[in-house]
Amino acid sequence: MKNNIKLKSKEIILPEKLKAILWSKNIKAINPETDK
């Protein structure tokens, strides 16, 4: 079970650029009107 937790925590850690891309996609998906 400890190995599972370690793998999951590694998956959560993403490079900053990837985070920014996912974040902007999330905002557009939630708020299609905001086009920034």
PDB file of N, CA and C in Angstrom:
ATOM      1  N   MET A   1       0.836  -1.207   0.000  1.00  0.00           N
ATOM      2  CA  MET A   1       0.000   0.000   0.000  1.00  0.00           C
ATOM      3  C   MET A   1       0.872   1.258   0.000  1.00  0.00           C
ATOM      4  N   LYS A   2       2.002   1.199   0.669  1.00  0.00           N
ATOM      5  CA  LYS A   2       2.885   2.371   0.680  1.00  0.00           C
ATOM      6  C   LYS A   2       3.381   2.681  -0.729  1.00  0.00           C
ATOM      7  N   ASN A   3       3.672   1.636  -1.508  1.00  0.00           N
ATOM      8  CA  ASN A   3       4.121   1.844  -2.884  1.00  0.00           C
ATOM      9  C   ASN A   3       3.031   2.535  -3.703  1.00  0.00           C
ATOM     10  N   ASN A   4       1.791   2.132  -3.485  1.00  0.00           N
ATOM     11  CA  ASN A   4       0.672   2.750  -4.190  1.00  0.00           C
ATOM     12  C   ASN A   4       0.619   4.243  -3.915  1.00  0.00           C
ATOM     13  N   ILE A   5       0.762   4.621  -2.654  1.00  0.00           N
ATOM     14  CA  ILE A   5       0.692   6.030  -2.269  1.00  0.00           C
ATOM     15  C   ILE A   5       1.826   6.801  -2.943  1.00  0.00           C
ATOM     16  N   LYS A   6       3.023   6.212  -2.968  1.00  0.00           N
ATOM     17  CA  LYS A   6       4.165   6.889  -3.589  1.00  0.00           C
ATOM     18  C   LYS A   6       3.907   7.112  -5.078  1.00  0.00           C
ATOM     19  N   LEU A   7       3.376   6.101  -5.753  1.00  0.00           N
ATOM     20  CA  LEU A   7       3.097   6.235  -7.183  1.00  0.00           C
ATOM     21  C   LEU A   7       2.070   7.339  -7.421  1.00  0.00           C
ATOM     22  N   LYS A   8       1.022   7.350  -6.617  1.00  0.00           N
ATOM     23  CA  LYS A   8      -0.021   8.361  -6.791  1.00  0.00           C
ATOM     24  C   LYS A   8       0.542   9.763  -6.569  1.00  0.00           C
ATOM     25  N   SER A   9       1.359   9.936  -5.545  1.00  0.00           N
ATOM     26  CA  SER A   9       1.915  11.261  -5.264  1.00  0.00           C
ATOM     27  C   SER A   9       2.826  11.699  -6.403  1.00  0.00           C
ATOM     28  N   LYS A  10       3.540  10.742  -7.024  1.00  0.00           N
ATOM     29  CA  LYS A  10       4.401  11.089  -8.163  1.00  0.00           C
ATOM     30  C   LYS A  10       3.550  11.530  -9.348  1.00  0.00           C
ATOM     31  N   GLU A  11       2.414  10.882  -9.551  1.00  0.00           N
ATOM     32  CA  GLU A  11       1.530  11.251 -10.660  1.00  0.00           C
ATOM     33  C   GLU A  11       0.966  12.656 -10.464  1.00  0.00           C
ATOM     34  N   ILE A  12       0.745  13.031  -9.212  1.00  0.00           N
ATOM     35  CA  ILE A  12       0.168  14.347  -8.927  1.00  0.00           C
ATOM     36  C   ILE A  12       1.176  15.449  -9.269  1.00  0.00           C
ATOM     37  N   ILE A  13       2.473  15.188  -9.035  1.00  0.00           N
ATOM     38  CA  ILE A  13       3.498  16.202  -9.289  1.00  0.00           C
ATOM     39  C   ILE A  13       3.701  16.335 -10.795  1.00  0.00           C
ATOM     40  N   LEU A  14       3.373  17.507 -11.336  1.00  0.00           N
ATOM     41  CA  LEU A  14       3.531  17.760 -12.764  1.00  0.00           C
ATOM     42  C   LEU A  14       4.456  18.954 -12.981  1.00  0.00           C
ATOM     43  N   PRO A  15       5.106  18.996 -14.143  1.00  0.00           N
ATOM     44  CA  PRO A  15       5.909  20.175 -14.478  1.00  0.00           C
ATOM     45  C   PRO A  15       5.023  21.420 -14.531  1.00  0.00           C
ATOM     46  N   GLU A  16       5.625  22.573 -14.233  1.00  0.00           N
ATOM     47  CA  GLU A  16       4.841  23.818 -14.150  1.00  0.00           C
ATOM     48  C   GLU A  16       4.139  24.124 -15.468  1.00  0.00           C
ATOM     49  N   LYS A  17       4.796  23.894 -16.590  1.00  0.00           N
ATOM     50  CA  LYS A  17       4.166  24.185 -17.887  1.00  0.00           C
ATOM     51  C   LYS A  17       2.919  23.330 -18.072  1.00  0.00           C
ATOM     52  N   LEU A  18       3.046  22.047 -17.726  1.00  0.00           N
ATOM     53  CA  LEU A  18       1.892  21.153 -17.857  1.00  0.00           C
ATOM     54  C   LEU A  18       0.762  21.622 -16.956  1.00  0.00           C
ATOM     55  N   LYS A  19       1.106  22.028 -15.738  1.00  0.00           N
ATOM     56  CA  LYS A  19       0.084  22.533 -14.803  1.00  0.00           C
ATOM     57  C   LYS A  19      -0.639  23.724 -15.411  1.00  0.00           C
ATOM     58  N   ALA A  20       0.125  24.642 -16.000  1.00  0.00           N
ATOM     59  CA  ALA A  20      -0.473  25.845 -16.581  1.00  0.00           C
ATOM     60  C   ALA A  20      -1.417  25.475 -17.720  1.00  0.00           C
ATOM     61  N   ILE A  21      -1.003  24.524 -18.553  1.00  0.00           N
ATOM     62  CA  ILE A  21      -1.847  24.108 -19.683  1.00  0.00           C
ATOM     63  C   ILE A  21      -3.137  23.478 -19.163  1.00  0.00           C
ATOM     64  N   LEU A  22      -3.009  22.564 -18.217  1.00  0.00           N
ATOM     65  CA  LEU A  22      -4.201  21.908 -17.662  1.00  0.00           C
ATOM     66  C   LEU A  22      -5.103  22.939 -16.992  1.00  0.00           C
ATOM     67  N   TRP A  23      -4.492  23.888 -16.279  1.00  0.00           N
ATOM     68  CA  TRP A  23      -5.253  24.912 -15.568  1.00  0.00           C
ATOM     69  C   TRP A  23      -6.055  25.750 -16.551  1.00  0.00           C
ATOM     70  N   SER A  24      -5.392  26.217 -17.634  1.00  0.00           N
ATOM     71  CA  SER A  24      -6.087  27.048 -18.612  1.00  0.00           C
ATOM     72  C   SER A  24      -7.195  26.248 -19.294  1.00  0.00           C
ATOM     73  N   LYS A  25      -6.950  24.966 -19.562  1.00  0.00           N
ATOM     74  CA  LYS A  25      -7.990  24.133 -20.176  1.00  0.00           C
ATOM     75  C   LYS A  25      -9.168  23.981 -19.222  1.00  0.00           C
ATOM     76  N   ASN A  26      -8.878  23.800 -17.938  1.00  0.00           N
ATOM     77  CA  ASN A  26      -9.942  23.658 -16.937  1.00  0.00           C
ATOM     78  C   ASN A  26     -10.795  24.917 -16.901  1.00  0.00           C
ATOM     79  N   ILE A  27     -10.139  26.084 -16.890  1.00  0.00           N
ATOM     80  CA  ILE A  27     -10.871  27.350 -16.820  1.00  0.00           C
ATOM     81  C   ILE A  27     -11.767  27.490 -18.057  1.00  0.00           C
ATOM     82  N   LYS A  28     -11.235  27.153 -19.237  1.00  0.00           N
ATOM     83  CA  LYS A  28     -12.030  27.267 -20.461  1.00  0.00           C
ATOM     84  C   LYS A  28     -13.197  26.289 -20.432  1.00  0.00           C
ATOM     85  N   ALA A  29     -12.967  25.102 -19.881  1.00  0.00           N
ATOM     86  CA  ALA A  29     -14.042  24.104 -19.818  1.00  0.00           C
ATOM     87  C   ALA A  29     -15.142  24.568 -18.864  1.00  0.00           C
ATOM     88  N   ILE A  30     -14.735  25.170 -17.748  1.00  0.00           N
ATOM     89  CA  ILE A  30     -15.714  25.635 -16.760  1.00  0.00           C
ATOM     90  C   ILE A  30     -16.357  26.942 -17.236  1.00  0.00           C
ATOM     91  N   ASN A  31     -15.535  27.852 -17.777  1.00  0.00           N
ATOM     92  CA  ASN A  31     -15.997  29.175 -18.198  1.00  0.00           C
ATOM     93  C   ASN A  31     -15.672  29.391 -19.673  1.00  0.00           C
ATOM     94  N   PRO A  32     -16.477  28.889 -20.589  1.00  0.00           N
ATOM     95  CA  PRO A  32     -16.179  29.055 -22.018  1.00  0.00           C
ATOM     96  C   PRO A  32     -16.180  30.519 -22.445  1.00  0.00           C
ATOM     97  N   GLU A  33     -16.865  31.383 -21.688  1.00  0.00           N
ATOM     98  CA  GLU A  33     -16.947  32.796 -22.060  1.00  0.00           C
ATOM     99  C   GLU A  33     -15.606  33.494 -21.880  1.00  0.00           C
ATOM    100  N   THR A  34     -14.801  33.073 -20.898  1.00  0.00           N
ATOM    101  CA  THR A  34     -13.503  33.711 -20.681  1.00  0.00           C
ATOM    102  C   THR A  34     -12.525  33.202 -21.717  1.00  0.00           C
ATOM    103  N   ASP A  35     -12.107  34.068 -22.612  1.00  0.00           N
ATOM    104  CA  ASP A  35     -11.161  33.682 -23.662  1.00  0.00           C
ATOM    105  C   ASP A  35      -9.891  34.485 -23.471  1.00  0.00           C
ATOM    106  N   LYS A  36      -8.985  33.970 -22.623  1.00  0.00           N
ATOM    107  CA  LYS A  36      -7.746  34.711 -22.341  1.00  0.00           C
ATOM    108  C   LYS A  36      -6.567  33.879 -22.781  1.00  0.00           C
TER     109      LYS A  36
END
